[in-house]
Every structure is written in structure tokens, then in C-alpha cells.
Amino acid sequence: MYARMGAVTLLILSLGNQPAKPQTRNSFDGFKLVNRTGNIQKPADYRDLYQTLGTYFVLDPKGGNQMHLTYASPGAADYYRRNKKFADGTVLVKEVFGTDHAQMTTGDAHWAKDTKVWFVLIKDSKGRYPNSSLWGDDWGWALFKSDSPDKQVATDYKKDCLSCHIPAKADDWIYVKGYPVLSSK
């Protein structure tokens, strides 16, 4: 009996000594978030399953300061580091927060307060939705506002989205400079 328990213990220990496997697999299936007409839905689980790429802090004294936190679907950052581009089907979610601040022992500290809008982009290098005004320049574009967080409200990516991305045109319309995980491991 002790020999059998010893064998089982050794088996358990040897199985436990395997390299750790990632909890999520690469997921370039962003098209599961798209209906037949090209309308994109916001992924429900992005905060739990997606990787944080980085955060921008936007100082806007007139409209209120903002914090932009961007997430990428599983495997997107690793793929980008190896290929210097996003894989077809990659999903990016940018959550834009209002901010608050207070004087702390570390100085004037600022933090995210409430979500204002979400932007969702899906990489589409094959031009799957040529008749949709929400798809173009190798991406699907979507906008969700906090007063109706599940309703996509963009009507034309060229009017509603692209103008903010012009400075990032050379980087496939994405502000990769603010996402350190795309260049380091």
C-alpha cells in the first residue's frame, strides 16, 4: 500500500514539475464579435481575458482630463513583437475614463474615475466588409458610449474615428508608442 502511495506521489510530483502553460490561448477570432452587416459588439470579458497594452493620460483643461487604457485580445502583443504588425482578427479595446486627483504623499495623484467611451477595433487585412462604412484602412471601427454601453454608435469610421488616428497612420493607425509591451517582453 505504501509503495502504491509512493508511486502516486511521484507521479503527481513529476506532473507538477512541467513548465507552466499560458492560461489563455492566442485568440485572433475577433470576427466572432461581428454580425453579417459588419456591426461590431464590445467583448464582454476584455478586462479579464485581454492583455493591457498601455495607458495614455490626456490633459484637457477645457473638456476634462482623460485616461485611455488599451487592451488587446490574447496573443496579440506576442504576435506583434514577433511580426511588427497585428494579426488578422486581433481585437483592441480602448476604454476612455474621466479622472480625479488629490494631493497624496507621492504628489498630485490622478486616477481613472468613470468610463466615458469605449473604442473597439478589429484588424481586417482581407477587407471582409467592403460595403460597411465601419470598415476600412485594414480595421473594423466601433464606438460605444457610457449612457448605452452595449450599443455601437459610430456610423462612418472616416467621420467618427479616423481623424483622431491620423498621427498614427504610419503605425497602422494605432498609437503603438504608448504600448511598451509591444516592444519588450
N, C-alpha and C. Protein backbone atom coordinates (compact mmCIF):
# COMPACT_ATOMS: atom_id res chain seq x y z
N MET A 1 0.82 -1.19 0.00
CA MET A 1 0.00 0.00 0.00
C MET A 1 0.87 1.26 0.00
N TYR A 2 1.94 1.26 0.86
CA TYR A 2 2.84 2.42 0.89
C TYR A 2 3.57 2.59 -0.43
N ALA A 3 3.88 1.48 -1.09
CA ALA A 3 4.57 1.55 -2.38
C ALA A 3 3.65 2.21 -3.43
N ARG A 4 2.37 1.83 -3.39
CA ARG A 4 1.40 2.41 -4.32
C ARG A 4 1.24 3.91 -4.06
N MET A 5 1.16 4.32 -2.79
CA MET A 5 1.04 5.74 -2.44
C MET A 5 2.30 6.49 -2.86
N GLY A 6 3.46 5.85 -2.70
CA GLY A 6 4.71 6.48 -3.11
C GLY A 6 4.75 6.68 -4.61
N ALA A 7 4.26 5.69 -5.37
CA ALA A 7 4.24 5.80 -6.83
C ALA A 7 3.28 6.91 -7.27
N VAL A 8 2.14 6.99 -6.63
CA VAL A 8 1.17 8.03 -6.95
C VAL A 8 1.75 9.40 -6.62
N THR A 9 2.42 9.50 -5.48
CA THR A 9 3.04 10.77 -5.08
C THR A 9 4.11 11.18 -6.10
N LEU A 10 4.95 10.24 -6.53
CA LEU A 10 5.96 10.55 -7.53
C LEU A 10 5.33 10.99 -8.85
N LEU A 11 4.25 10.35 -9.24
CA LEU A 11 3.56 10.71 -10.47
C LEU A 11 3.02 12.14 -10.37
N ILE A 12 2.40 12.46 -9.26
CA ILE A 12 1.85 13.80 -9.05
C ILE A 12 2.96 14.84 -9.06
N LEU A 13 4.06 14.54 -8.37
CA LEU A 13 5.18 15.48 -8.34
C LEU A 13 5.79 15.68 -9.72
N SER A 14 5.91 14.59 -10.48
CA SER A 14 6.51 14.73 -11.81
C SER A 14 5.58 15.50 -12.76
N LEU A 15 4.28 15.32 -12.64
CA LEU A 15 3.35 16.08 -13.46
C LEU A 15 3.34 17.55 -13.06
N GLY A 16 3.52 17.80 -11.79
CA GLY A 16 3.54 19.18 -11.32
C GLY A 16 4.82 19.91 -11.67
N ASN A 17 5.82 19.19 -12.12
CA ASN A 17 7.10 19.79 -12.47
C ASN A 17 7.19 20.13 -13.96
N GLN A 18 6.06 20.26 -14.62
CA GLN A 18 6.02 20.61 -16.03
C GLN A 18 6.04 22.13 -16.16
N PRO A 19 6.54 22.64 -17.29
CA PRO A 19 6.50 24.09 -17.49
C PRO A 19 5.07 24.61 -17.46
N ALA A 20 4.91 25.79 -16.91
CA ALA A 20 3.58 26.40 -16.84
C ALA A 20 3.09 26.71 -18.25
N LYS A 21 1.82 26.48 -18.48
CA LYS A 21 1.20 26.80 -19.76
C LYS A 21 0.39 28.07 -19.60
N PRO A 22 0.30 28.88 -20.65
CA PRO A 22 -0.50 30.10 -20.54
C PRO A 22 -1.95 29.78 -20.24
N GLN A 23 -2.60 30.68 -19.52
CA GLN A 23 -3.99 30.46 -19.17
C GLN A 23 -4.93 30.70 -20.33
N THR A 24 -4.50 31.51 -21.28
CA THR A 24 -5.34 31.76 -22.45
C THR A 24 -4.54 31.45 -23.69
N ARG A 25 -5.22 31.05 -24.73
CA ARG A 25 -4.56 30.77 -25.99
C ARG A 25 -4.62 32.00 -26.88
N ASN A 26 -3.80 32.00 -27.91
CA ASN A 26 -3.89 33.11 -28.86
C ASN A 26 -5.29 33.15 -29.42
N SER A 27 -5.84 34.33 -29.53
CA SER A 27 -7.21 34.46 -29.97
C SER A 27 -7.33 35.57 -30.99
N PHE A 28 -7.19 35.20 -32.24
CA PHE A 28 -7.32 36.18 -33.31
C PHE A 28 -8.66 35.96 -34.01
N ASP A 29 -9.68 35.68 -33.24
CA ASP A 29 -11.01 35.40 -33.79
C ASP A 29 -11.97 36.54 -33.48
N GLY A 30 -11.51 37.77 -33.65
CA GLY A 30 -12.34 38.92 -33.37
C GLY A 30 -13.59 38.99 -34.23
N PHE A 31 -13.61 38.25 -35.33
CA PHE A 31 -14.77 38.29 -36.21
C PHE A 31 -16.00 37.63 -35.59
N LYS A 32 -15.81 36.92 -34.47
CA LYS A 32 -16.95 36.40 -33.73
C LYS A 32 -17.77 37.53 -33.10
N LEU A 33 -17.15 38.72 -33.02
CA LEU A 33 -17.83 39.89 -32.46
C LEU A 33 -18.56 40.71 -33.51
N VAL A 34 -18.60 40.21 -34.74
CA VAL A 34 -19.13 40.97 -35.86
C VAL A 34 -20.35 40.26 -36.44
N ASN A 35 -21.41 41.03 -36.72
CA ASN A 35 -22.58 40.42 -37.36
C ASN A 35 -22.43 40.45 -38.89
N ARG A 36 -23.41 39.95 -39.61
CA ARG A 36 -23.33 39.84 -41.08
C ARG A 36 -23.13 41.17 -41.78
N THR A 37 -23.65 42.24 -41.20
CA THR A 37 -23.54 43.55 -41.86
C THR A 37 -22.26 44.30 -41.48
N GLY A 38 -21.46 43.71 -40.57
CA GLY A 38 -20.21 44.35 -40.18
C GLY A 38 -20.27 45.15 -38.90
N ASN A 39 -21.40 45.10 -38.21
CA ASN A 39 -21.51 45.81 -36.94
C ASN A 39 -20.76 45.04 -35.84
N ILE A 40 -19.94 45.75 -35.08
CA ILE A 40 -19.08 45.14 -34.06
C ILE A 40 -19.71 45.28 -32.68
N GLN A 41 -19.63 44.22 -31.88
CA GLN A 41 -20.06 44.32 -30.49
C GLN A 41 -18.82 44.38 -29.60
N LYS A 42 -18.97 44.99 -28.45
CA LYS A 42 -17.87 45.11 -27.49
C LYS A 42 -17.72 43.77 -26.77
N PRO A 43 -16.48 43.25 -26.68
CA PRO A 43 -16.30 41.98 -25.96
C PRO A 43 -16.61 42.16 -24.47
N ALA A 44 -17.39 41.26 -23.93
CA ALA A 44 -17.84 41.38 -22.53
C ALA A 44 -16.71 41.11 -21.54
N ASP A 45 -15.74 40.32 -21.90
CA ASP A 45 -14.74 39.83 -20.96
C ASP A 45 -13.36 40.44 -21.16
N TYR A 46 -13.27 41.57 -21.83
CA TYR A 46 -11.95 42.11 -22.18
C TYR A 46 -11.10 42.45 -20.96
N ARG A 47 -11.69 42.92 -19.88
CA ARG A 47 -10.88 43.27 -18.70
C ARG A 47 -10.26 42.05 -18.04
N ASP A 48 -10.90 40.90 -18.16
CA ASP A 48 -10.41 39.68 -17.53
C ASP A 48 -9.48 38.87 -18.44
N LEU A 49 -9.76 38.86 -19.73
CA LEU A 49 -9.03 37.97 -20.63
C LEU A 49 -8.02 38.65 -21.54
N TYR A 50 -8.18 39.92 -21.78
CA TYR A 50 -7.29 40.63 -22.70
C TYR A 50 -6.07 41.17 -21.95
N GLN A 51 -4.99 41.39 -22.69
CA GLN A 51 -3.77 41.93 -22.12
C GLN A 51 -3.79 43.46 -22.19
N THR A 52 -3.35 44.10 -21.13
CA THR A 52 -3.23 45.56 -21.14
C THR A 52 -2.01 45.94 -21.96
N LEU A 53 -2.23 46.81 -22.95
CA LEU A 53 -1.11 47.28 -23.78
C LEU A 53 -0.45 48.51 -23.18
N GLY A 54 -1.24 49.42 -22.64
CA GLY A 54 -0.69 50.64 -22.08
C GLY A 54 -1.76 51.66 -21.79
N THR A 55 -1.33 52.78 -21.22
CA THR A 55 -2.25 53.83 -20.81
C THR A 55 -1.71 55.18 -21.27
N TYR A 56 -2.59 55.99 -21.81
CA TYR A 56 -2.29 57.38 -22.14
C TYR A 56 -3.04 58.27 -21.16
N PHE A 57 -2.40 59.33 -20.75
CA PHE A 57 -3.06 60.34 -19.93
C PHE A 57 -3.18 61.59 -20.80
N VAL A 58 -4.39 62.04 -21.05
CA VAL A 58 -4.64 63.18 -21.93
C VAL A 58 -5.06 64.37 -21.07
N LEU A 59 -4.24 65.42 -21.09
CA LEU A 59 -4.55 66.63 -20.36
C LEU A 59 -5.43 67.52 -21.21
N ASP A 60 -6.63 67.79 -20.73
CA ASP A 60 -7.57 68.62 -21.47
C ASP A 60 -8.29 69.53 -20.47
N PRO A 61 -7.74 70.72 -20.23
CA PRO A 61 -8.34 71.61 -19.24
C PRO A 61 -9.77 72.03 -19.57
N LYS A 62 -10.12 72.08 -20.85
CA LYS A 62 -11.47 72.51 -21.24
C LYS A 62 -12.49 71.37 -21.14
N GLY A 63 -12.14 70.19 -21.66
CA GLY A 63 -13.08 69.08 -21.69
C GLY A 63 -12.92 68.09 -20.55
N GLY A 64 -11.89 68.27 -19.74
CA GLY A 64 -11.63 67.34 -18.64
C GLY A 64 -10.54 66.35 -19.01
N ASN A 65 -9.64 66.11 -18.08
CA ASN A 65 -8.56 65.16 -18.32
C ASN A 65 -9.12 63.77 -18.54
N GLN A 66 -8.37 62.98 -19.31
CA GLN A 66 -8.81 61.62 -19.63
C GLN A 66 -7.66 60.65 -19.45
N MET A 67 -8.03 59.42 -19.15
CA MET A 67 -7.08 58.32 -19.11
C MET A 67 -7.56 57.30 -20.13
N HIS A 68 -6.69 56.94 -21.07
CA HIS A 68 -7.02 55.97 -22.12
C HIS A 68 -6.29 54.68 -21.83
N LEU A 69 -7.01 53.64 -21.53
CA LEU A 69 -6.44 52.33 -21.22
C LEU A 69 -6.79 51.38 -22.35
N THR A 70 -5.76 50.77 -22.96
CA THR A 70 -5.98 49.92 -24.14
C THR A 70 -5.64 48.47 -23.83
N TYR A 71 -6.54 47.59 -24.26
CA TYR A 71 -6.40 46.14 -24.10
C TYR A 71 -6.31 45.49 -25.47
N ALA A 72 -5.65 44.32 -25.55
CA ALA A 72 -5.56 43.57 -26.79
C ALA A 72 -5.96 42.13 -26.54
N SER A 73 -6.59 41.51 -27.53
CA SER A 73 -7.00 40.12 -27.40
C SER A 73 -5.79 39.22 -27.13
N PRO A 74 -6.02 38.07 -26.49
CA PRO A 74 -4.92 37.18 -26.11
C PRO A 74 -4.00 36.84 -27.28
N GLY A 75 -2.71 36.96 -27.03
CA GLY A 75 -1.70 36.63 -28.03
C GLY A 75 -1.33 37.77 -28.95
N ALA A 76 -2.07 38.88 -28.93
CA ALA A 76 -1.83 39.98 -29.86
C ALA A 76 -0.46 40.63 -29.65
N ALA A 77 -0.09 40.87 -28.40
CA ALA A 77 1.20 41.53 -28.13
C ALA A 77 2.36 40.63 -28.54
N ASP A 78 2.27 39.36 -28.24
CA ASP A 78 3.33 38.43 -28.63
C ASP A 78 3.46 38.37 -30.14
N TYR A 79 2.35 38.29 -30.84
CA TYR A 79 2.37 38.26 -32.30
C TYR A 79 2.99 39.55 -32.84
N TYR A 80 2.61 40.68 -32.27
CA TYR A 80 3.14 41.97 -32.73
C TYR A 80 4.66 42.04 -32.52
N ARG A 81 5.13 41.59 -31.36
CA ARG A 81 6.58 41.62 -31.10
C ARG A 81 7.34 40.79 -32.12
N ARG A 82 6.79 39.67 -32.52
CA ARG A 82 7.47 38.79 -33.48
C ARG A 82 7.35 39.25 -34.92
N ASN A 83 6.24 39.93 -35.27
CA ASN A 83 5.96 40.26 -36.68
C ASN A 83 5.90 41.74 -36.99
N LYS A 84 5.93 42.58 -35.96
CA LYS A 84 5.85 44.04 -36.12
C LYS A 84 4.56 44.48 -36.82
N LYS A 85 3.51 43.72 -36.59
CA LYS A 85 2.17 44.07 -37.08
C LYS A 85 1.16 43.27 -36.27
N PHE A 86 -0.11 43.69 -36.34
CA PHE A 86 -1.17 42.96 -35.65
C PHE A 86 -1.69 41.87 -36.56
N ALA A 87 -2.02 40.74 -35.96
CA ALA A 87 -2.57 39.61 -36.71
C ALA A 87 -4.00 39.92 -37.15
N ASP A 88 -4.37 39.38 -38.28
CA ASP A 88 -5.75 39.48 -38.76
C ASP A 88 -6.68 38.91 -37.69
N GLY A 89 -7.70 39.66 -37.32
CA GLY A 89 -8.64 39.22 -36.29
C GLY A 89 -8.32 39.73 -34.89
N THR A 90 -7.18 40.40 -34.72
CA THR A 90 -6.83 40.97 -33.41
C THR A 90 -7.89 42.00 -33.00
N VAL A 91 -8.25 41.98 -31.73
CA VAL A 91 -9.21 42.94 -31.19
C VAL A 91 -8.47 43.88 -30.23
N LEU A 92 -8.68 45.18 -30.41
CA LEU A 92 -8.18 46.19 -29.47
C LEU A 92 -9.38 46.89 -28.86
N VAL A 93 -9.34 47.07 -27.56
CA VAL A 93 -10.40 47.81 -26.85
C VAL A 93 -9.73 48.96 -26.11
N LYS A 94 -10.14 50.17 -26.41
CA LYS A 94 -9.65 51.34 -25.68
C LYS A 94 -10.79 51.87 -24.83
N GLU A 95 -10.56 51.90 -23.53
CA GLU A 95 -11.53 52.41 -22.58
C GLU A 95 -11.08 53.80 -22.15
N VAL A 96 -11.91 54.80 -22.36
CA VAL A 96 -11.57 56.18 -22.03
C VAL A 96 -12.29 56.56 -20.73
N PHE A 97 -11.51 56.95 -19.74
CA PHE A 97 -12.04 57.31 -18.43
C PHE A 97 -11.91 58.81 -18.20
N GLY A 98 -12.84 59.35 -17.43
CA GLY A 98 -12.62 60.64 -16.81
C GLY A 98 -11.65 60.40 -15.67
N THR A 99 -11.14 61.46 -15.07
CA THR A 99 -10.18 61.26 -13.98
C THR A 99 -10.55 62.09 -12.76
N ASP A 100 -9.92 61.74 -11.68
CA ASP A 100 -9.99 62.52 -10.45
C ASP A 100 -8.57 62.59 -9.93
N HIS A 101 -8.34 63.47 -8.96
CA HIS A 101 -6.99 63.57 -8.41
C HIS A 101 -7.04 64.15 -7.01
N ALA A 102 -5.95 63.96 -6.31
CA ALA A 102 -5.81 64.51 -4.96
C ALA A 102 -4.32 64.57 -4.63
N GLN A 103 -4.00 65.43 -3.70
CA GLN A 103 -2.62 65.52 -3.24
C GLN A 103 -2.38 64.34 -2.31
N MET A 104 -1.38 63.54 -2.64
CA MET A 104 -1.01 62.37 -1.84
C MET A 104 0.44 62.55 -1.39
N THR A 105 0.92 61.62 -0.61
CA THR A 105 2.31 61.72 -0.16
C THR A 105 3.29 61.64 -1.33
N THR A 106 2.86 61.03 -2.43
CA THR A 106 3.72 60.91 -3.61
C THR A 106 3.61 62.10 -4.53
N GLY A 107 2.69 63.00 -4.28
CA GLY A 107 2.48 64.17 -5.13
C GLY A 107 1.03 64.26 -5.56
N ASP A 108 0.80 64.98 -6.65
CA ASP A 108 -0.55 65.14 -7.20
C ASP A 108 -0.91 63.87 -7.95
N ALA A 109 -1.67 62.99 -7.32
CA ALA A 109 -2.01 61.69 -7.90
C ALA A 109 -3.31 61.78 -8.69
N HIS A 110 -3.33 61.13 -9.87
CA HIS A 110 -4.51 61.10 -10.74
C HIS A 110 -4.90 59.64 -10.96
N TRP A 111 -6.20 59.38 -11.07
CA TRP A 111 -6.67 58.01 -11.30
C TRP A 111 -7.93 58.03 -12.15
N ALA A 112 -8.21 56.88 -12.74
CA ALA A 112 -9.41 56.73 -13.56
C ALA A 112 -10.64 56.79 -12.67
N LYS A 113 -11.68 57.47 -13.17
CA LYS A 113 -12.89 57.65 -12.36
C LYS A 113 -14.08 56.92 -12.97
N ASP A 114 -14.53 57.33 -14.12
CA ASP A 114 -15.71 56.72 -14.72
C ASP A 114 -15.48 56.59 -16.22
N THR A 115 -16.02 55.52 -16.79
CA THR A 115 -15.83 55.28 -18.21
C THR A 115 -16.69 56.25 -19.01
N LYS A 116 -16.06 56.90 -19.99
CA LYS A 116 -16.77 57.82 -20.88
C LYS A 116 -17.19 57.11 -22.17
N VAL A 117 -16.23 56.47 -22.82
CA VAL A 117 -16.50 55.75 -24.07
C VAL A 117 -15.56 54.55 -24.20
N TRP A 118 -15.92 53.66 -25.09
CA TRP A 118 -15.08 52.54 -25.48
C TRP A 118 -14.92 52.59 -27.00
N PHE A 119 -13.71 52.31 -27.45
CA PHE A 119 -13.46 52.12 -28.87
C PHE A 119 -13.03 50.68 -29.06
N VAL A 120 -13.58 50.02 -30.06
CA VAL A 120 -13.21 48.65 -30.36
C VAL A 120 -12.76 48.61 -31.81
N LEU A 121 -11.58 48.04 -32.03
CA LEU A 121 -11.06 47.86 -33.38
C LEU A 121 -10.76 46.39 -33.61
N ILE A 122 -11.02 45.93 -34.83
CA ILE A 122 -10.70 44.56 -35.21
C ILE A 122 -9.86 44.62 -36.47
N LYS A 123 -8.68 44.01 -36.43
CA LYS A 123 -7.79 44.01 -37.58
C LYS A 123 -8.40 43.17 -38.70
N ASP A 124 -8.49 43.76 -39.88
CA ASP A 124 -9.09 43.08 -41.04
C ASP A 124 -8.22 43.33 -42.27
N SER A 125 -7.18 42.54 -42.43
CA SER A 125 -6.27 42.73 -43.55
C SER A 125 -6.83 42.18 -44.86
N LYS A 126 -7.98 41.52 -44.80
CA LYS A 126 -8.57 40.92 -46.00
C LYS A 126 -9.75 41.71 -46.56
N GLY A 127 -10.15 42.78 -45.90
CA GLY A 127 -11.26 43.60 -46.40
C GLY A 127 -12.58 42.85 -46.46
N ARG A 128 -12.97 42.22 -45.38
CA ARG A 128 -14.15 41.36 -45.34
C ARG A 128 -15.48 42.10 -45.49
N TYR A 129 -15.51 43.38 -45.15
CA TYR A 129 -16.77 44.12 -45.15
C TYR A 129 -16.65 45.37 -46.04
N PRO A 130 -16.48 45.19 -47.34
CA PRO A 130 -16.25 46.33 -48.23
C PRO A 130 -17.45 47.28 -48.34
N ASN A 131 -18.64 46.81 -48.03
CA ASN A 131 -19.83 47.66 -48.14
C ASN A 131 -20.23 48.34 -46.83
N SER A 132 -19.44 48.13 -45.79
CA SER A 132 -19.75 48.74 -44.49
C SER A 132 -18.92 49.99 -44.30
N SER A 133 -19.57 51.06 -43.86
CA SER A 133 -18.87 52.32 -43.60
C SER A 133 -18.10 52.28 -42.28
N LEU A 134 -18.16 51.15 -41.56
CA LEU A 134 -17.42 50.99 -40.32
C LEU A 134 -16.12 50.22 -40.51
N TRP A 135 -15.83 49.83 -41.74
CA TRP A 135 -14.64 49.04 -42.02
C TRP A 135 -13.82 49.71 -43.11
N GLY A 136 -12.51 49.78 -42.87
CA GLY A 136 -11.60 50.33 -43.87
C GLY A 136 -10.24 50.57 -43.27
N ASP A 137 -9.27 50.81 -44.13
CA ASP A 137 -7.88 51.01 -43.70
C ASP A 137 -7.40 49.83 -42.84
N ASP A 138 -7.86 48.64 -43.20
CA ASP A 138 -7.46 47.37 -42.57
C ASP A 138 -7.98 47.17 -41.14
N TRP A 139 -9.01 47.91 -40.76
CA TRP A 139 -9.60 47.76 -39.43
C TRP A 139 -11.12 47.88 -39.51
N GLY A 140 -11.78 47.24 -38.54
CA GLY A 140 -13.18 47.50 -38.25
C GLY A 140 -13.20 48.44 -37.07
N TRP A 141 -14.08 49.45 -37.10
CA TRP A 141 -14.08 50.52 -36.10
C TRP A 141 -15.44 50.58 -35.41
N ALA A 142 -15.44 50.72 -34.09
CA ALA A 142 -16.70 50.81 -33.34
C ALA A 142 -16.54 51.77 -32.16
N LEU A 143 -17.63 52.40 -31.78
CA LEU A 143 -17.67 53.35 -30.67
C LEU A 143 -18.88 53.03 -29.80
N PHE A 144 -18.64 52.98 -28.49
CA PHE A 144 -19.70 52.73 -27.51
C PHE A 144 -19.63 53.84 -26.46
N LYS A 145 -20.77 54.41 -26.10
CA LYS A 145 -20.80 55.47 -25.11
C LYS A 145 -21.33 54.95 -23.78
N SER A 146 -20.97 55.62 -22.70
CA SER A 146 -21.31 55.12 -21.36
C SER A 146 -22.80 55.14 -21.07
N ASP A 147 -23.58 56.00 -21.72
CA ASP A 147 -25.02 56.02 -21.47
C ASP A 147 -25.74 54.85 -22.12
N SER A 148 -25.07 54.14 -23.03
CA SER A 148 -25.62 52.94 -23.66
C SER A 148 -24.45 52.04 -24.06
N PRO A 149 -23.80 51.42 -23.07
CA PRO A 149 -22.53 50.74 -23.29
C PRO A 149 -22.55 49.53 -24.23
N ASP A 150 -23.71 49.02 -24.55
CA ASP A 150 -23.78 47.87 -25.46
C ASP A 150 -24.24 48.25 -26.86
N LYS A 151 -24.44 49.53 -27.10
CA LYS A 151 -24.91 49.99 -28.41
C LYS A 151 -23.78 50.66 -29.18
N GLN A 152 -23.43 50.10 -30.32
CA GLN A 152 -22.40 50.66 -31.18
C GLN A 152 -22.99 51.88 -31.88
N VAL A 153 -22.36 53.06 -31.73
CA VAL A 153 -22.95 54.29 -32.23
C VAL A 153 -22.21 54.94 -33.39
N ALA A 154 -21.04 54.46 -33.75
CA ALA A 154 -20.34 55.03 -34.91
C ALA A 154 -21.15 54.71 -36.17
N THR A 155 -21.13 55.64 -37.13
CA THR A 155 -21.85 55.42 -38.38
C THR A 155 -20.93 55.36 -39.59
N ASP A 156 -19.77 56.00 -39.46
CA ASP A 156 -18.82 56.04 -40.57
C ASP A 156 -17.43 56.24 -39.97
N TYR A 157 -16.56 55.25 -40.11
CA TYR A 157 -15.27 55.34 -39.45
C TYR A 157 -14.45 56.53 -39.94
N LYS A 158 -14.65 56.94 -41.19
CA LYS A 158 -13.88 58.08 -41.72
C LYS A 158 -14.29 59.38 -41.03
N LYS A 159 -15.55 59.49 -40.63
CA LYS A 159 -16.04 60.70 -39.97
C LYS A 159 -15.92 60.59 -38.44
N ASP A 160 -16.19 59.41 -37.89
CA ASP A 160 -16.27 59.25 -36.44
C ASP A 160 -14.96 58.84 -35.77
N CYS A 161 -14.02 58.27 -36.51
CA CYS A 161 -12.86 57.66 -35.87
C CYS A 161 -11.51 58.07 -36.45
N LEU A 162 -11.41 58.08 -37.75
CA LEU A 162 -10.11 58.17 -38.41
C LEU A 162 -9.35 59.45 -38.11
N SER A 163 -10.04 60.57 -37.95
CA SER A 163 -9.33 61.84 -37.76
C SER A 163 -8.44 61.83 -36.51
N CYS A 164 -8.84 61.13 -35.48
CA CYS A 164 -8.01 61.04 -34.27
C CYS A 164 -6.78 60.15 -34.49
N HIS A 165 -6.82 59.30 -35.49
CA HIS A 165 -5.73 58.35 -35.72
C HIS A 165 -4.73 58.81 -36.76
N ILE A 166 -4.94 59.96 -37.37
CA ILE A 166 -4.03 60.44 -38.42
C ILE A 166 -2.57 60.48 -37.96
N PRO A 167 -2.27 60.96 -36.73
CA PRO A 167 -0.86 60.95 -36.31
C PRO A 167 -0.24 59.55 -36.23
N ALA A 168 -1.07 58.52 -36.15
CA ALA A 168 -0.58 57.14 -36.04
C ALA A 168 -0.68 56.37 -37.36
N LYS A 169 -0.93 57.07 -38.45
CA LYS A 169 -1.11 56.40 -39.75
C LYS A 169 0.08 55.50 -40.11
N ALA A 170 1.29 55.95 -39.87
CA ALA A 170 2.49 55.17 -40.22
C ALA A 170 2.61 53.89 -39.40
N ASP A 171 1.91 53.82 -38.27
CA ASP A 171 1.93 52.63 -37.41
C ASP A 171 0.62 51.86 -37.49
N ASP A 172 0.06 51.79 -38.70
CA ASP A 172 -1.18 51.06 -38.93
C ASP A 172 -2.35 51.66 -38.15
N TRP A 173 -2.34 52.98 -37.99
CA TRP A 173 -3.40 53.76 -37.33
C TRP A 173 -3.46 53.56 -35.82
N ILE A 174 -2.49 52.87 -35.23
CA ILE A 174 -2.51 52.56 -33.79
C ILE A 174 -1.35 53.29 -33.11
N TYR A 175 -1.58 53.89 -31.97
CA TYR A 175 -0.56 54.62 -31.23
C TYR A 175 0.36 53.66 -30.47
N VAL A 176 1.15 52.91 -31.22
CA VAL A 176 1.99 51.87 -30.62
C VAL A 176 3.08 52.44 -29.70
N LYS A 177 3.43 53.70 -29.85
CA LYS A 177 4.47 54.31 -29.00
C LYS A 177 4.08 54.27 -27.52
N GLY A 178 2.82 54.28 -27.23
CA GLY A 178 2.36 54.26 -25.85
C GLY A 178 2.12 52.87 -25.30
N TYR A 179 2.51 51.85 -26.04
CA TYR A 179 2.25 50.48 -25.62
C TYR A 179 3.58 49.72 -25.49
N PRO A 180 4.25 49.88 -24.35
CA PRO A 180 5.58 49.29 -24.18
C PRO A 180 5.63 47.77 -24.32
N VAL A 181 4.53 47.09 -24.04
CA VAL A 181 4.56 45.62 -24.15
C VAL A 181 4.71 45.14 -25.59
N LEU A 182 4.50 46.04 -26.56
CA LEU A 182 4.67 45.64 -27.96
C LEU A 182 6.14 45.61 -28.38
N SER A 183 7.01 46.22 -27.57
CA SER A 183 8.42 46.24 -27.95
C SER A 183 9.32 45.50 -26.96
N SER A 184 8.77 45.03 -25.86
CA SER A 184 9.60 44.33 -24.88
C SER A 184 8.87 43.13 -24.34
N LYS A 185 9.60 42.25 -23.74
CA LYS A 185 8.99 41.04 -23.16
C LYS A 185 9.28 41.02 -21.69
